[in-house]
Amino acid sequence: MADYKIKCIVVDIKTSTGVCPGSAKCRKDEEYIITARTPDVVMCGRAFAAIHPMAFGMRWSDKLQFERNNYVDVACPDGFVTYRLTRIIE
């Protein structure tokens, strides 16, 4: 049975400053590793709530039906930040 770690990278921020206006103030290229526990690095709680369903599905399957090129892009609830989820294959 699949049990992957998921790499989550900030790939786009739609602000003129390049910094998310939310409480976590994330920046492009920040990276988080998602496993059975929440990320060790500080991550916006709202963004985590948005990406968790996709990351959970990716952790336990080899491929989701809507994946393209082995990744899934997910936007935060406010639409400012786009996160890219990929499997870490060890």
PDB file of N, CA and C in Angstrom:
ATOM      1  N   MET A   1       0.845  -1.186   0.000  1.00  0.00           N
ATOM      2  CA  MET A   1       0.000   0.000   0.000  1.00  0.00           C
ATOM      3  C   MET A   1       0.886   1.243   0.000  1.00  0.00           C
ATOM      4  N   ALA A   2       0.499   2.224  -0.766  1.00  0.00           N
ATOM      5  CA  ALA A   2       1.247   3.474  -0.857  1.00  0.00           C
ATOM      6  C   ALA A   2       1.212   4.211   0.479  1.00  0.00           C
ATOM      7  N   ASP A   3       2.306   4.869   0.801  1.00  0.00           N
ATOM      8  CA  ASP A   3       2.409   5.708   1.999  1.00  0.00           C
ATOM      9  C   ASP A   3       3.520   6.720   1.740  1.00  0.00           C
ATOM     10  N   TYR A   4       3.217   7.730   0.946  1.00  0.00           N
ATOM     11  CA  TYR A   4       4.210   8.707   0.523  1.00  0.00           C
ATOM     12  C   TYR A   4       4.263   9.906   1.456  1.00  0.00           C
ATOM     13  N   LYS A   5       5.431  10.538   1.521  1.00  0.00           N
ATOM     14  CA  LYS A   5       5.536  11.883   2.068  1.00  0.00           C
ATOM     15  C   LYS A   5       5.196  12.826   0.924  1.00  0.00           C
ATOM     16  N   ILE A   6       4.644  13.980   1.251  1.00  0.00           N
ATOM     17  CA  ILE A   6       4.248  14.946   0.233  1.00  0.00           C
ATOM     18  C   ILE A   6       5.065  16.217   0.384  1.00  0.00           C
ATOM     19  N   LYS A   7       5.675  16.646  -0.729  1.00  0.00           N
ATOM     20  CA  LYS A   7       6.377  17.927  -0.745  1.00  0.00           C
ATOM     21  C   LYS A   7       5.389  18.992  -1.195  1.00  0.00           C
ATOM     22  N   CYS A   8       5.323  20.076  -0.447  1.00  0.00           N
ATOM     23  CA  CYS A   8       4.424  21.185  -0.734  1.00  0.00           C
ATOM     24  C   CYS A   8       5.272  22.438  -0.900  1.00  0.00           C
ATOM     25  N   ILE A   9       5.255  23.024  -2.085  1.00  0.00           N
ATOM     26  CA  ILE A   9       6.077  24.197  -2.378  1.00  0.00           C
ATOM     27  C   ILE A   9       5.173  25.357  -2.797  1.00  0.00           C
ATOM     28  N   VAL A  10       5.479  26.541  -2.303  1.00  0.00           N
ATOM     29  CA  VAL A  10       4.778  27.747  -2.745  1.00  0.00           C
ATOM     30  C   VAL A  10       5.316  28.087  -4.134  1.00  0.00           C
ATOM     31  N   VAL A  11       4.458  28.005  -5.157  1.00  0.00           N
ATOM     32  CA  VAL A  11       4.916  28.252  -6.527  1.00  0.00           C
ATOM     33  C   VAL A  11       4.477  29.606  -7.064  1.00  0.00           C
ATOM     34  N   ASP A  12       3.484  30.240  -6.436  1.00  0.00           N
ATOM     35  CA  ASP A  12       3.037  31.541  -6.932  1.00  0.00           C
ATOM     36  C   ASP A  12       2.348  32.314  -5.812  1.00  0.00           C
ATOM     37  N   ILE A  13       2.615  33.604  -5.767  1.00  0.00           N
ATOM     38  CA  ILE A  13       1.923  34.502  -4.845  1.00  0.00           C
ATOM     39  C   ILE A  13       1.445  35.694  -5.651  1.00  0.00           C
ATOM     40  N   LYS A  14       0.148  35.929  -5.643  1.00  0.00           N
ATOM     41  CA  LYS A  14      -0.453  36.974  -6.463  1.00  0.00           C
ATOM     42  C   LYS A  14      -0.566  38.295  -5.690  1.00  0.00           C
ATOM     43  N   THR A  15       0.585  38.845  -5.328  1.00  0.00           N
ATOM     44  CA  THR A  15       0.632  40.170  -4.714  1.00  0.00           C
ATOM     45  C   THR A  15       1.806  40.930  -5.320  1.00  0.00           C
ATOM     46  N   SER A  16       1.799  42.229  -5.228  1.00  0.00           N
ATOM     47  CA  SER A  16       2.903  43.029  -5.767  1.00  0.00           C
ATOM     48  C   SER A  16       4.172  42.892  -4.931  1.00  0.00           C
ATOM     49  N   THR A  17       4.026  42.511  -3.665  1.00  0.00           N
ATOM     50  CA  THR A  17       5.183  42.375  -2.776  1.00  0.00           C
ATOM     51  C   THR A  17       5.809  40.988  -2.821  1.00  0.00           C
ATOM     52  N   GLY A  18       5.086  39.997  -3.328  1.00  0.00           N
ATOM     53  CA  GLY A  18       5.586  38.625  -3.324  1.00  0.00           C
ATOM     54  C   GLY A  18       5.451  37.950  -1.970  1.00  0.00           C
ATOM     55  N   VAL A  19       4.706  38.588  -1.073  1.00  0.00           N
ATOM     56  CA  VAL A  19       4.462  38.038   0.259  1.00  0.00           C
ATOM     57  C   VAL A  19       2.959  37.911   0.446  1.00  0.00           C
ATOM     58  N   CYS A  20       2.519  36.785   0.974  1.00  0.00           N
ATOM     59  CA  CYS A  20       1.099  36.583   1.230  1.00  0.00           C
ATOM     60  C   CYS A  20       0.615  37.608   2.260  1.00  0.00           C
ATOM     61  N   PRO A  21      -0.530  38.249   2.032  1.00  0.00           N
ATOM     62  CA  PRO A  21      -1.042  39.224   3.005  1.00  0.00           C
ATOM     63  C   PRO A  21      -1.700  38.574   4.221  1.00  0.00           C
ATOM     64  N   GLY A  22      -1.802  37.250   4.237  1.00  0.00           N
ATOM     65  CA  GLY A  22      -2.414  36.545   5.360  1.00  0.00           C
ATOM     66  C   GLY A  22      -1.517  36.531   6.586  1.00  0.00           C
ATOM     67  N   SER A  23      -1.967  35.854   7.612  1.00  0.00           N
ATOM     68  CA  SER A  23      -1.261  35.862   8.893  1.00  0.00           C
ATOM     69  C   SER A  23       0.104  35.181   8.849  1.00  0.00           C
ATOM     70  N   ALA A  24       0.304  34.198   7.978  1.00  0.00           N
ATOM     71  CA  ALA A  24       1.575  33.462   7.945  1.00  0.00           C
ATOM     72  C   ALA A  24       2.643  34.156   7.108  1.00  0.00           C
ATOM     73  N   LYS A  25       2.248  35.099   6.255  1.00  0.00           N
ATOM     74  CA  LYS A  25       3.206  35.863   5.438  1.00  0.00           C
ATOM     75  C   LYS A  25       4.147  34.963   4.643  1.00  0.00           C
ATOM     76  N   CYS A  26       3.611  33.921   4.015  1.00  0.00           N
ATOM     77  CA  CYS A  26       4.481  33.003   3.278  1.00  0.00           C
ATOM     78  C   CYS A  26       5.055  33.670   2.034  1.00  0.00           C
ATOM     79  N   ARG A  27       6.134  33.089   1.550  1.00  0.00           N
ATOM     80  CA  ARG A  27       6.865  33.620   0.398  1.00  0.00           C
ATOM     81  C   ARG A  27       7.079  32.508  -0.635  1.00  0.00           C
ATOM     82  N   LYS A  28       7.301  32.925  -1.854  1.00  0.00           N
ATOM     83  CA  LYS A  28       7.541  31.973  -2.932  1.00  0.00           C
ATOM     84  C   LYS A  28       8.740  31.085  -2.588  1.00  0.00           C
ATOM     85  N   ASP A  29       8.652  29.834  -2.996  1.00  0.00           N
ATOM     86  CA  ASP A  29       9.672  28.797  -2.825  1.00  0.00           C
ATOM     87  C   ASP A  29       9.754  28.239  -1.408  1.00  0.00           C
ATOM     88  N   GLU A  30       8.897  28.680  -0.485  1.00  0.00           N
ATOM     89  CA  GLU A  30       8.867  28.011   0.817  1.00  0.00           C
ATOM     90  C   GLU A  30       8.439  26.567   0.584  1.00  0.00           C
ATOM     91  N   GLU A  31       9.002  25.672   1.368  1.00  0.00           N
ATOM     92  CA  GLU A  31       8.741  24.246   1.174  1.00  0.00           C
ATOM     93  C   GLU A  31       8.358  23.601   2.500  1.00  0.00           C
ATOM     94  N   TYR A  32       7.381  22.719   2.433  1.00  0.00           N
ATOM     95  CA  TYR A  32       6.905  21.986   3.601  1.00  0.00           C
ATOM     96  C   TYR A  32       6.855  20.509   3.238  1.00  0.00           C
ATOM     97  N   ILE A  33       7.149  19.650   4.192  1.00  0.00           N
ATOM     98  CA  ILE A  33       7.016  18.210   3.983  1.00  0.00           C
ATOM     99  C   ILE A  33       5.842  17.744   4.842  1.00  0.00           C
ATOM    100  N   ILE A  34       4.888  17.092   4.198  1.00  0.00           N
ATOM    101  CA  ILE A  34       3.680  16.641   4.882  1.00  0.00           C
ATOM    102  C   ILE A  34       3.736  15.127   5.011  1.00  0.00           C
ATOM    103  N   THR A  35       3.628  14.665   6.249  1.00  0.00           N
ATOM    104  CA  THR A  35       3.621  13.232   6.537  1.00  0.00           C
ATOM    105  C   THR A  35       2.380  12.943   7.375  1.00  0.00           C
ATOM    106  N   ALA A  36       2.470  11.956   8.231  1.00  0.00           N
ATOM    107  CA  ALA A  36       1.338  11.609   9.089  1.00  0.00           C
ATOM    108  C   ALA A  36       1.078  12.703  10.129  1.00  0.00           C
ATOM    109  N   ARG A  37       2.057  13.585  10.339  1.00  0.00           N
ATOM    110  CA  ARG A  37       1.901  14.712  11.260  1.00  0.00           C
ATOM    111  C   ARG A  37       1.912  16.010  10.466  1.00  0.00           C
ATOM    112  N   THR A  38       1.438  17.060  11.073  1.00  0.00           N
ATOM    113  CA  THR A  38       1.431  18.350  10.367  1.00  0.00           C
ATOM    114  C   THR A  38       2.863  18.795  10.100  1.00  0.00           C
ATOM    115  N   PRO A  39       3.048  19.741   9.173  1.00  0.00           N
ATOM    116  CA  PRO A  39       4.415  20.165   8.825  1.00  0.00           C
ATOM    117  C   PRO A  39       5.189  20.686  10.028  1.00  0.00           C
ATOM    118  N   ASP A  40       6.503  20.425  10.016  1.00  0.00           N
ATOM    119  CA  ASP A  40       7.375  20.942  11.068  1.00  0.00           C
ATOM    120  C   ASP A  40       7.570  22.445  10.938  1.00  0.00           C
ATOM    121  N   VAL A  41       7.503  22.953   9.720  1.00  0.00           N
ATOM    122  CA  VAL A  41       7.690  24.372   9.454  1.00  0.00           C
ATOM    123  C   VAL A  41       6.351  25.080   9.642  1.00  0.00           C
ATOM    124  N   VAL A  42       6.408  26.313  10.084  1.00  0.00           N
ATOM    125  CA  VAL A  42       5.173  27.085  10.274  1.00  0.00           C
ATOM    126  C   VAL A  42       4.481  27.256   8.925  1.00  0.00           C
ATOM    127  N   MET A  43       3.229  26.862   8.872  1.00  0.00           N
ATOM    128  CA  MET A  43       2.443  26.970   7.647  1.00  0.00           C
ATOM    129  C   MET A  43       1.103  27.583   8.001  1.00  0.00           C
ATOM    130  N   CYS A  44       0.586  28.381   7.121  1.00  0.00           N
ATOM    131  CA  CYS A  44      -0.717  29.007   7.317  1.00  0.00           C
ATOM    132  C   CYS A  44      -1.784  27.924   7.547  1.00  0.00           C
ATOM    133  N   GLY A  45      -2.528  28.058   8.624  1.00  0.00           N
ATOM    134  CA  GLY A  45      -3.561  27.074   8.947  1.00  0.00           C
ATOM    135  C   GLY A  45      -4.656  26.998   7.901  1.00  0.00           C
ATOM    136  N   ARG A  46      -5.037  28.136   7.338  1.00  0.00           N
ATOM    137  CA  ARG A  46      -6.077  28.135   6.300  1.00  0.00           C
ATOM    138  C   ARG A  46      -5.586  27.434   5.043  1.00  0.00           C
ATOM    139  N   ALA A  47      -4.335  27.675   4.677  1.00  0.00           N
ATOM    140  CA  ALA A  47      -3.769  27.005   3.502  1.00  0.00           C
ATOM    141  C   ALA A  47      -3.674  25.506   3.756  1.00  0.00           C
ATOM    142  N   PHE A  48      -3.250  25.115   4.963  1.00  0.00           N
ATOM    143  CA  PHE A  48      -3.154  23.693   5.269  1.00  0.00           C
ATOM    144  C   PHE A  48      -4.514  23.021   5.164  1.00  0.00           C
ATOM    145  N   ALA A  49      -5.554  23.705   5.626  1.00  0.00           N
ATOM    146  CA  ALA A  49      -6.909  23.144   5.522  1.00  0.00           C
ATOM    147  C   ALA A  49      -7.308  22.942   4.060  1.00  0.00           C
ATOM    148  N   ALA A  50      -6.851  23.815   3.176  1.00  0.00           N
ATOM    149  CA  ALA A  50      -7.183  23.696   1.750  1.00  0.00           C
ATOM    150  C   ALA A  50      -6.404  22.578   1.071  1.00  0.00           C
ATOM    151  N   ILE A  51      -5.127  22.428   1.430  1.00  0.00           N
ATOM    152  CA  ILE A  51      -4.318  21.422   0.735  1.00  0.00           C
ATOM    153  C   ILE A  51      -4.447  20.029   1.336  1.00  0.00           C
ATOM    154  N   HIS A  52      -4.870  19.932   2.585  1.00  0.00           N
ATOM    155  CA  HIS A  52      -4.895  18.641   3.268  1.00  0.00           C
ATOM    156  C   HIS A  52      -5.667  17.553   2.519  1.00  0.00           C
ATOM    157  N   PRO A  53      -6.870  17.815   2.001  1.00  0.00           N
ATOM    158  CA  PRO A  53      -7.576  16.728   1.294  1.00  0.00           C
ATOM    159  C   PRO A  53      -6.787  16.170   0.106  1.00  0.00           C
ATOM    160  N   MET A  54      -6.125  17.053  -0.650  1.00  0.00           N
ATOM    161  CA  MET A  54      -5.332  16.581  -1.794  1.00  0.00           C
ATOM    162  C   MET A  54      -4.086  15.838  -1.321  1.00  0.00           C
ATOM    163  N   ALA A  55      -3.410  16.409  -0.319  1.00  0.00           N
ATOM    164  CA  ALA A  55      -2.203  15.759   0.203  1.00  0.00           C
ATOM    165  C   ALA A  55      -2.536  14.394   0.789  1.00  0.00           C
ATOM    166  N   PHE A  56      -3.646  14.298   1.487  1.00  0.00           N
ATOM    167  CA  PHE A  56      -4.066  13.023   2.072  1.00  0.00           C
ATOM    168  C   PHE A  56      -4.298  11.978   0.982  1.00  0.00           C
ATOM    169  N   GLY A  57      -5.002  12.360  -0.073  1.00  0.00           N
ATOM    170  CA  GLY A  57      -5.234  11.441  -1.188  1.00  0.00           C
ATOM    171  C   GLY A  57      -3.941  11.013  -1.861  1.00  0.00           C
ATOM    172  N   MET A  58      -3.034  11.958  -2.036  1.00  0.00           N
ATOM    173  CA  MET A  58      -1.756  11.641  -2.674  1.00  0.00           C
ATOM    174  C   MET A  58      -0.891  10.748  -1.803  1.00  0.00           C
ATOM    175  N   ARG A  59      -0.980  10.895  -0.492  1.00  0.00           N
ATOM    176  CA  ARG A  59      -0.173  10.059   0.406  1.00  0.00           C
ATOM    177  C   ARG A  59      -0.524   8.590   0.255  1.00  0.00           C
ATOM    178  N   TRP A  60      -1.776   8.287   0.010  1.00  0.00           N
ATOM    179  CA  TRP A  60      -2.242   6.901   0.048  1.00  0.00           C
ATOM    180  C   TRP A  60      -2.547   6.310  -1.320  1.00  0.00           C
ATOM    181  N   SER A  61      -2.181   7.012  -2.390  1.00  0.00           N
ATOM    182  CA  SER A  61      -2.412   6.454  -3.727  1.00  0.00           C
ATOM    183  C   SER A  61      -1.222   6.766  -4.628  1.00  0.00           C
ATOM    184  N   ASP A  62      -1.067   5.953  -5.660  1.00  0.00           N
ATOM    185  CA  ASP A  62       0.026   6.168  -6.601  1.00  0.00           C
ATOM    186  C   ASP A  62      -0.275   7.275  -7.594  1.00  0.00           C
ATOM    187  N   LYS A  63      -1.545   7.537  -7.848  1.00  0.00           N
ATOM    188  CA  LYS A  63      -1.920   8.607  -8.774  1.00  0.00           C
ATOM    189  C   LYS A  63      -3.391   8.930  -8.570  1.00  0.00           C
ATOM    190  N   LEU A  64      -3.687  10.227  -8.503  1.00  0.00           N
ATOM    191  CA  LEU A  64      -5.071  10.674  -8.449  1.00  0.00           C
ATOM    192  C   LEU A  64      -5.557  10.921  -9.868  1.00  0.00           C
ATOM    193  N   GLN A  65      -6.819  10.770 -10.091  1.00  0.00           N
ATOM    194  CA  GLN A  65      -7.387  10.859 -11.437  1.00  0.00           C
ATOM    195  C   GLN A  65      -7.120  12.210 -12.106  1.00  0.00           C
ATOM    196  N   PHE A  66      -7.087  13.270 -11.362  1.00  0.00           N
ATOM    197  CA  PHE A  66      -6.961  14.608 -11.946  1.00  0.00           C
ATOM    198  C   PHE A  66      -5.530  15.156 -11.917  1.00  0.00           C
ATOM    199  N   GLU A  67      -4.549  14.337 -11.538  1.00  0.00           N
ATOM    200  CA  GLU A  67      -3.153  14.780 -11.528  1.00  0.00           C
ATOM    201  C   GLU A  67      -2.641  14.986 -12.936  1.00  0.00           C
ATOM    202  N   ARG A  68      -1.792  16.001 -13.085  1.00  0.00           N
ATOM    203  CA  ARG A  68      -1.072  16.223 -14.335  1.00  0.00           C
ATOM    204  C   ARG A  68       0.417  16.224 -14.015  1.00  0.00           C
ATOM    205  N   ASN A  69       1.192  15.483 -14.751  1.00  0.00           N
ATOM    206  CA  ASN A  69       2.651  15.465 -14.576  1.00  0.00           C
ATOM    207  C   ASN A  69       3.066  15.179 -13.134  1.00  0.00           C
ATOM    208  N   ASN A  70       2.323  14.337 -12.453  1.00  0.00           N
ATOM    209  CA  ASN A  70       2.652  13.887 -11.094  1.00  0.00           C
ATOM    210  C   ASN A  70       2.650  14.992 -10.039  1.00  0.00           C
ATOM    211  N   TYR A  71       1.849  16.011 -10.235  1.00  0.00           N
ATOM    212  CA  TYR A  71       1.669  17.029  -9.201  1.00  0.00           C
ATOM    213  C   TYR A  71       0.249  17.563  -9.231  1.00  0.00           C
ATOM    214  N   VAL A  72      -0.118  18.233  -8.140  1.00  0.00           N
ATOM    215  CA  VAL A  72      -1.418  18.899  -8.036  1.00  0.00           C
ATOM    216  C   VAL A  72      -1.163  20.303  -7.510  1.00  0.00           C
ATOM    217  N   ASP A  73      -1.731  21.312  -8.149  1.00  0.00           N
ATOM    218  CA  ASP A  73      -1.660  22.685  -7.661  1.00  0.00           C
ATOM    219  C   ASP A  73      -2.936  23.006  -6.905  1.00  0.00           C
ATOM    220  N   VAL A  74      -2.774  23.624  -5.732  1.00  0.00           N
ATOM    221  CA  VAL A  74      -3.914  23.977  -4.887  1.00  0.00           C
ATOM    222  C   VAL A  74      -3.746  25.430  -4.463  1.00  0.00           C
ATOM    223  N   ALA A  75      -4.822  26.203  -4.581  1.00  0.00           N
ATOM    224  CA  ALA A  75      -4.796  27.603  -4.149  1.00  0.00           C
ATOM    225  C   ALA A  75      -5.301  27.709  -2.718  1.00  0.00           C
ATOM    226  N   CYS A  76      -4.764  28.693  -2.001  1.00  0.00           N
ATOM    227  CA  CYS A  76      -5.251  28.947  -0.644  1.00  0.00           C
ATOM    228  C   CYS A  76      -6.684  29.495  -0.738  1.00  0.00           C
ATOM    229  N   PRO A  77      -7.428  29.504   0.358  1.00  0.00           N
ATOM    230  CA  PRO A  77      -8.817  29.965   0.322  1.00  0.00           C
ATOM    231  C   PRO A  77      -8.972  31.403  -0.175  1.00  0.00           C
ATOM    232  N   ASP A  78      -7.969  32.245   0.079  1.00  0.00           N
ATOM    233  CA  ASP A  78      -8.051  33.642  -0.367  1.00  0.00           C
ATOM    234  C   ASP A  78      -7.616  33.815  -1.817  1.00  0.00           C
ATOM    235  N   GLY A  79      -6.984  32.799  -2.386  1.00  0.00           N
ATOM    236  CA  GLY A  79      -6.566  32.844  -3.782  1.00  0.00           C
ATOM    237  C   GLY A  79      -5.246  33.560  -4.029  1.00  0.00           C
ATOM    238  N   PHE A  80      -4.553  33.980  -2.994  1.00  0.00           N
ATOM    239  CA  PHE A  80      -3.281  34.681  -3.179  1.00  0.00           C
ATOM    240  C   PHE A  80      -2.119  33.741  -3.455  1.00  0.00           C
ATOM    241  N   VAL A  81      -2.151  32.547  -2.866  1.00  0.00           N
ATOM    242  CA  VAL A  81      -0.998  31.648  -2.916  1.00  0.00           C
ATOM    243  C   VAL A  81      -1.379  30.334  -3.596  1.00  0.00           C
ATOM    244  N   THR A  82      -0.489  29.856  -4.459  1.00  0.00           N
ATOM    245  CA  THR A  82      -0.658  28.547  -5.087  1.00  0.00           C
ATOM    246  C   THR A  82       0.445  27.635  -4.578  1.00  0.00           C
ATOM    247  N   TYR A  83       0.030  26.463  -4.123  1.00  0.00           N
ATOM    248  CA  TYR A  83       0.936  25.444  -3.596  1.00  0.00           C
ATOM    249  C   TYR A  83       0.980  24.289  -4.581  1.00  0.00           C
ATOM    250  N   ARG A  84       2.166  23.714  -4.788  1.00  0.00           N
ATOM    251  CA  ARG A  84       2.315  22.526  -5.641  1.00  0.00           C
ATOM    252  C   ARG A  84       2.643  21.335  -4.758  1.00  0.00           C
ATOM    253  N   LEU A  85       1.842  20.282  -4.888  1.00  0.00           N
ATOM    254  CA  LEU A  85       2.017  19.054  -4.112  1.00  0.00           C
ATOM    255  C   LEU A  85       2.603  17.969  -5.009  1.00  0.00           C
ATOM    256  N   THR A  86       3.654  17.331  -4.547  1.00  0.00           N
ATOM    257  CA  THR A  86       4.255  16.195  -5.253  1.00  0.00           C
ATOM    258  C   THR A  86       4.602  15.116  -4.241  1.00  0.00           C
ATOM    259  N   ARG A  87       4.644  13.889  -4.696  1.00  0.00           N
ATOM    260  CA  ARG A  87       5.041  12.774  -3.843  1.00  0.00           C
ATOM    261  C   ARG A  87       6.556  12.692  -3.739  1.00  0.00           C
ATOM    262  N   ILE A  88       7.033  12.337  -2.560  1.00  0.00           N
ATOM    263  CA  ILE A  88       8.440  12.035  -2.378  1.00  0.00           C
ATOM    264  C   ILE A  88       8.562  10.515  -2.453  1.00  0.00           C
ATOM    265  N   ILE A  89       9.208  10.047  -3.493  1.00  0.00           N
ATOM    266  CA  ILE A  89       9.346   8.603  -3.693  1.00  0.00           C
ATOM    267  C   ILE A  89      10.733   8.209  -3.214  1.00  0.00           C
ATOM    268  N   GLU A  90      10.754   7.425  -2.149  1.00  0.00           N
ATOM    269  CA  GLU A  90      12.038   7.020  -1.546  1.00  0.00           C
ATOM    270  C   GLU A  90      12.356   5.580  -1.858  1.00  0.00           C
TER     271      GLU A  90
END
